[in-house]
């Protein structure tokens, strides 16, 4: 979950994107990550939040995708 737009994490508010993204381990080395960018991205007919993270240990970059829970009721 969260690794692609099709499998985005469901969240209640945009304010939880960065704390949630930084709570997830690096998918490559399991190290701690930091959010380098938090943006909005269009995917099919919805807008998702994307947290671009960088691992503090190995330097790998990864995107985590988030969908606002109330957005599900508006589609």
N, C-alpha and C. Protein backbone atom coordinates (compact mmCIF):
# COMPACT_ATOMS: atom_id res chain seq x y z
N UNK A 1 0.82 -1.22 0.00
CA UNK A 1 0.00 0.00 0.00
C UNK A 1 0.86 1.27 0.00
N UNK A 2 0.36 2.28 -0.68
CA UNK A 2 1.04 3.57 -0.69
C UNK A 2 2.13 3.73 -1.73
N UNK A 3 2.60 2.63 -2.28
CA UNK A 3 3.71 2.70 -3.22
C UNK A 3 3.31 3.10 -4.63
N UNK A 4 2.00 3.11 -4.90
CA UNK A 4 1.53 3.52 -6.21
C UNK A 4 0.23 4.30 -6.05
N UNK A 5 -0.12 5.05 -7.08
CA UNK A 5 -1.35 5.84 -7.04
C UNK A 5 -2.57 4.93 -6.91
N UNK A 6 -2.52 3.78 -7.53
CA UNK A 6 -3.65 2.85 -7.48
C UNK A 6 -3.86 2.26 -6.08
N UNK A 7 -2.81 2.25 -5.26
CA UNK A 7 -2.89 1.67 -3.92
C UNK A 7 -2.56 2.70 -2.85
N UNK A 8 -3.02 3.92 -3.05
CA UNK A 8 -2.71 5.03 -2.13
C UNK A 8 -3.25 4.76 -0.72
N UNK A 9 -2.49 5.24 0.28
CA UNK A 9 -2.96 5.20 1.66
C UNK A 9 -4.16 6.13 1.80
N UNK A 10 -5.12 5.76 2.59
CA UNK A 10 -6.26 6.62 2.87
C UNK A 10 -5.95 7.44 4.12
N UNK A 11 -6.15 8.76 4.02
CA UNK A 11 -5.88 9.65 5.16
C UNK A 11 -7.07 10.58 5.36
N UNK A 12 -7.16 11.16 6.55
CA UNK A 12 -8.27 12.05 6.88
C UNK A 12 -8.01 13.50 6.50
N UNK A 13 -6.73 13.91 6.46
CA UNK A 13 -6.39 15.32 6.24
C UNK A 13 -5.02 15.43 5.59
N UNK A 14 -4.81 16.45 4.76
CA UNK A 14 -3.49 16.66 4.17
C UNK A 14 -2.39 16.90 5.22
N UNK A 15 -2.78 17.37 6.39
CA UNK A 15 -1.78 17.66 7.43
C UNK A 15 -1.09 16.41 7.97
N UNK A 16 -1.63 15.24 7.68
CA UNK A 16 -1.00 14.01 8.17
C UNK A 16 -0.08 13.36 7.14
N UNK A 17 -0.01 13.93 5.94
CA UNK A 17 0.83 13.33 4.89
C UNK A 17 2.29 13.23 5.34
N UNK A 18 2.88 14.34 5.74
CA UNK A 18 4.30 14.33 6.07
C UNK A 18 4.63 13.47 7.30
N UNK A 19 3.88 13.61 8.41
CA UNK A 19 4.19 12.73 9.55
C UNK A 19 4.01 11.24 9.21
N UNK A 20 2.96 10.95 8.43
CA UNK A 20 2.72 9.54 8.06
C UNK A 20 3.84 9.04 7.16
N UNK A 21 4.23 9.83 6.17
CA UNK A 21 5.29 9.42 5.25
C UNK A 21 6.61 9.20 5.99
N UNK A 22 6.92 10.08 6.94
CA UNK A 22 8.17 9.94 7.68
C UNK A 22 8.13 8.82 8.71
N UNK A 23 6.94 8.30 8.99
CA UNK A 23 6.84 7.17 9.91
C UNK A 23 7.08 5.84 9.20
N UNK A 24 7.08 5.87 7.88
CA UNK A 24 7.28 4.64 7.09
C UNK A 24 8.78 4.43 6.84
N UNK A 25 9.24 3.19 6.91
CA UNK A 25 10.66 2.93 6.66
C UNK A 25 10.98 2.98 5.16
N UNK A 26 12.23 3.19 4.87
CA UNK A 26 12.71 3.12 3.49
C UNK A 26 12.37 1.73 2.95
N UNK A 27 11.76 1.66 1.76
CA UNK A 27 11.41 0.36 1.21
C UNK A 27 12.63 -0.47 0.75
N UNK A 28 13.79 0.17 0.73
CA UNK A 28 14.99 -0.52 0.27
C UNK A 28 15.87 -1.03 1.41
N UNK A 29 16.11 -0.16 2.43
CA UNK A 29 17.02 -0.56 3.51
C UNK A 29 16.36 -0.53 4.89
N UNK A 30 15.09 -0.11 4.94
CA UNK A 30 14.33 0.00 6.19
C UNK A 30 14.79 1.15 7.08
N UNK A 31 15.62 2.05 6.55
CA UNK A 31 16.09 3.22 7.30
C UNK A 31 15.02 4.28 7.42
N UNK A 32 15.33 5.34 8.17
CA UNK A 32 14.43 6.48 8.34
C UNK A 32 14.47 7.37 7.12
N UNK A 33 13.31 7.93 6.76
CA UNK A 33 13.22 8.81 5.61
C UNK A 33 12.81 10.20 6.05
N UNK A 34 13.05 11.17 5.18
CA UNK A 34 12.57 12.54 5.38
C UNK A 34 11.81 12.94 4.12
N UNK A 35 10.79 13.76 4.30
CA UNK A 35 10.01 14.24 3.17
C UNK A 35 10.77 15.37 2.49
N UNK A 36 11.08 15.20 1.23
CA UNK A 36 11.76 16.23 0.44
C UNK A 36 10.74 17.15 -0.23
N UNK A 37 9.57 16.58 -0.55
CA UNK A 37 8.52 17.36 -1.21
C UNK A 37 7.17 16.71 -0.94
N UNK A 38 6.17 17.55 -0.76
CA UNK A 38 4.79 17.10 -0.59
C UNK A 38 3.99 17.85 -1.63
N UNK A 39 3.38 17.12 -2.57
CA UNK A 39 2.69 17.76 -3.69
C UNK A 39 1.34 17.10 -3.95
N UNK A 40 0.58 17.74 -4.82
CA UNK A 40 -0.70 17.19 -5.28
C UNK A 40 -0.47 16.66 -6.69
N UNK A 41 -1.01 15.47 -6.96
CA UNK A 41 -0.86 14.87 -8.29
C UNK A 41 -2.21 14.36 -8.78
N UNK A 42 -2.46 14.53 -10.06
CA UNK A 42 -3.69 14.01 -10.65
C UNK A 42 -3.47 12.56 -11.04
N UNK A 43 -4.45 11.74 -10.72
CA UNK A 43 -4.42 10.33 -11.11
C UNK A 43 -5.82 9.95 -11.52
N UNK A 44 -5.99 9.64 -12.81
CA UNK A 44 -7.30 9.36 -13.37
C UNK A 44 -8.24 10.51 -13.03
N UNK A 45 -9.32 10.29 -12.31
CA UNK A 45 -10.27 11.37 -12.05
C UNK A 45 -10.15 11.95 -10.64
N UNK A 46 -9.05 11.69 -9.95
CA UNK A 46 -8.90 12.20 -8.59
C UNK A 46 -7.56 12.87 -8.38
N UNK A 47 -7.50 13.65 -7.31
CA UNK A 47 -6.24 14.30 -6.92
C UNK A 47 -5.70 13.58 -5.69
N UNK A 48 -4.45 13.20 -5.78
CA UNK A 48 -3.79 12.52 -4.68
C UNK A 48 -2.70 13.41 -4.11
N UNK A 49 -2.31 13.12 -2.89
CA UNK A 49 -1.14 13.76 -2.28
C UNK A 49 0.03 12.80 -2.48
N UNK A 50 1.18 13.35 -2.82
CA UNK A 50 2.38 12.54 -3.01
C UNK A 50 3.49 13.10 -2.13
N UNK A 51 4.08 12.23 -1.34
CA UNK A 51 5.23 12.62 -0.52
C UNK A 51 6.46 11.99 -1.15
N UNK A 52 7.35 12.84 -1.63
CA UNK A 52 8.62 12.36 -2.18
C UNK A 52 9.60 12.31 -1.01
N UNK A 53 10.06 11.11 -0.68
CA UNK A 53 10.94 10.96 0.48
C UNK A 53 12.34 10.53 0.05
N UNK A 54 13.30 10.86 0.92
CA UNK A 54 14.69 10.48 0.72
C UNK A 54 15.15 9.76 1.99
N UNK A 55 15.77 8.61 1.81
CA UNK A 55 16.24 7.85 2.96
C UNK A 55 17.48 8.51 3.56
N UNK A 56 17.47 8.65 4.87
CA UNK A 56 18.60 9.25 5.58
C UNK A 56 19.80 8.30 5.62
N UNK A 57 19.56 7.00 5.48
CA UNK A 57 20.64 6.01 5.57
C UNK A 57 21.28 5.72 4.22
N UNK A 58 20.46 5.33 3.23
CA UNK A 58 21.03 4.89 1.95
C UNK A 58 20.88 5.92 0.83
N UNK A 59 20.08 6.97 1.05
CA UNK A 59 19.91 8.02 0.05
C UNK A 59 18.90 7.70 -1.03
N UNK A 60 18.25 6.54 -0.95
CA UNK A 60 17.26 6.17 -1.96
C UNK A 60 16.08 7.13 -1.92
N UNK A 61 15.49 7.37 -3.07
CA UNK A 61 14.33 8.23 -3.17
C UNK A 61 13.11 7.39 -3.51
N UNK A 62 11.96 7.78 -2.96
CA UNK A 62 10.74 7.00 -3.14
C UNK A 62 9.54 7.92 -3.02
N UNK A 63 8.44 7.56 -3.67
CA UNK A 63 7.20 8.32 -3.54
C UNK A 63 6.17 7.49 -2.80
N UNK A 64 5.48 8.13 -1.85
CA UNK A 64 4.35 7.53 -1.15
C UNK A 64 3.11 8.30 -1.57
N UNK A 65 2.03 7.58 -1.89
CA UNK A 65 0.79 8.18 -2.36
C UNK A 65 -0.29 8.11 -1.29
N UNK A 66 -1.09 9.19 -1.21
CA UNK A 66 -2.14 9.32 -0.20
C UNK A 66 -3.42 9.83 -0.85
N UNK A 67 -4.54 9.28 -0.41
CA UNK A 67 -5.86 9.69 -0.88
C UNK A 67 -6.65 10.21 0.31
N UNK A 68 -7.25 11.38 0.17
CA UNK A 68 -8.07 11.93 1.24
C UNK A 68 -9.35 11.11 1.36
N UNK A 69 -9.70 10.71 2.57
CA UNK A 69 -10.85 9.85 2.80
C UNK A 69 -12.13 10.50 2.31
N UNK A 70 -12.32 11.80 2.53
CA UNK A 70 -13.55 12.45 2.07
C UNK A 70 -13.63 12.54 0.55
N UNK A 71 -12.50 12.42 -0.15
CA UNK A 71 -12.48 12.43 -1.60
C UNK A 71 -13.20 11.19 -2.13
N UNK A 72 -13.20 10.11 -1.37
CA UNK A 72 -13.88 8.89 -1.80
C UNK A 72 -15.38 9.10 -1.87
N UNK A 73 -15.93 9.94 -1.05
CA UNK A 73 -17.38 10.16 -1.06
C UNK A 73 -17.82 11.14 -2.14
N UNK A 74 -16.86 11.85 -2.74
CA UNK A 74 -17.19 12.83 -3.77
C UNK A 74 -17.04 12.27 -5.18
N UNK A 75 -16.53 11.07 -5.34
CA UNK A 75 -16.35 10.48 -6.69
C UNK A 75 -17.56 9.71 -7.12
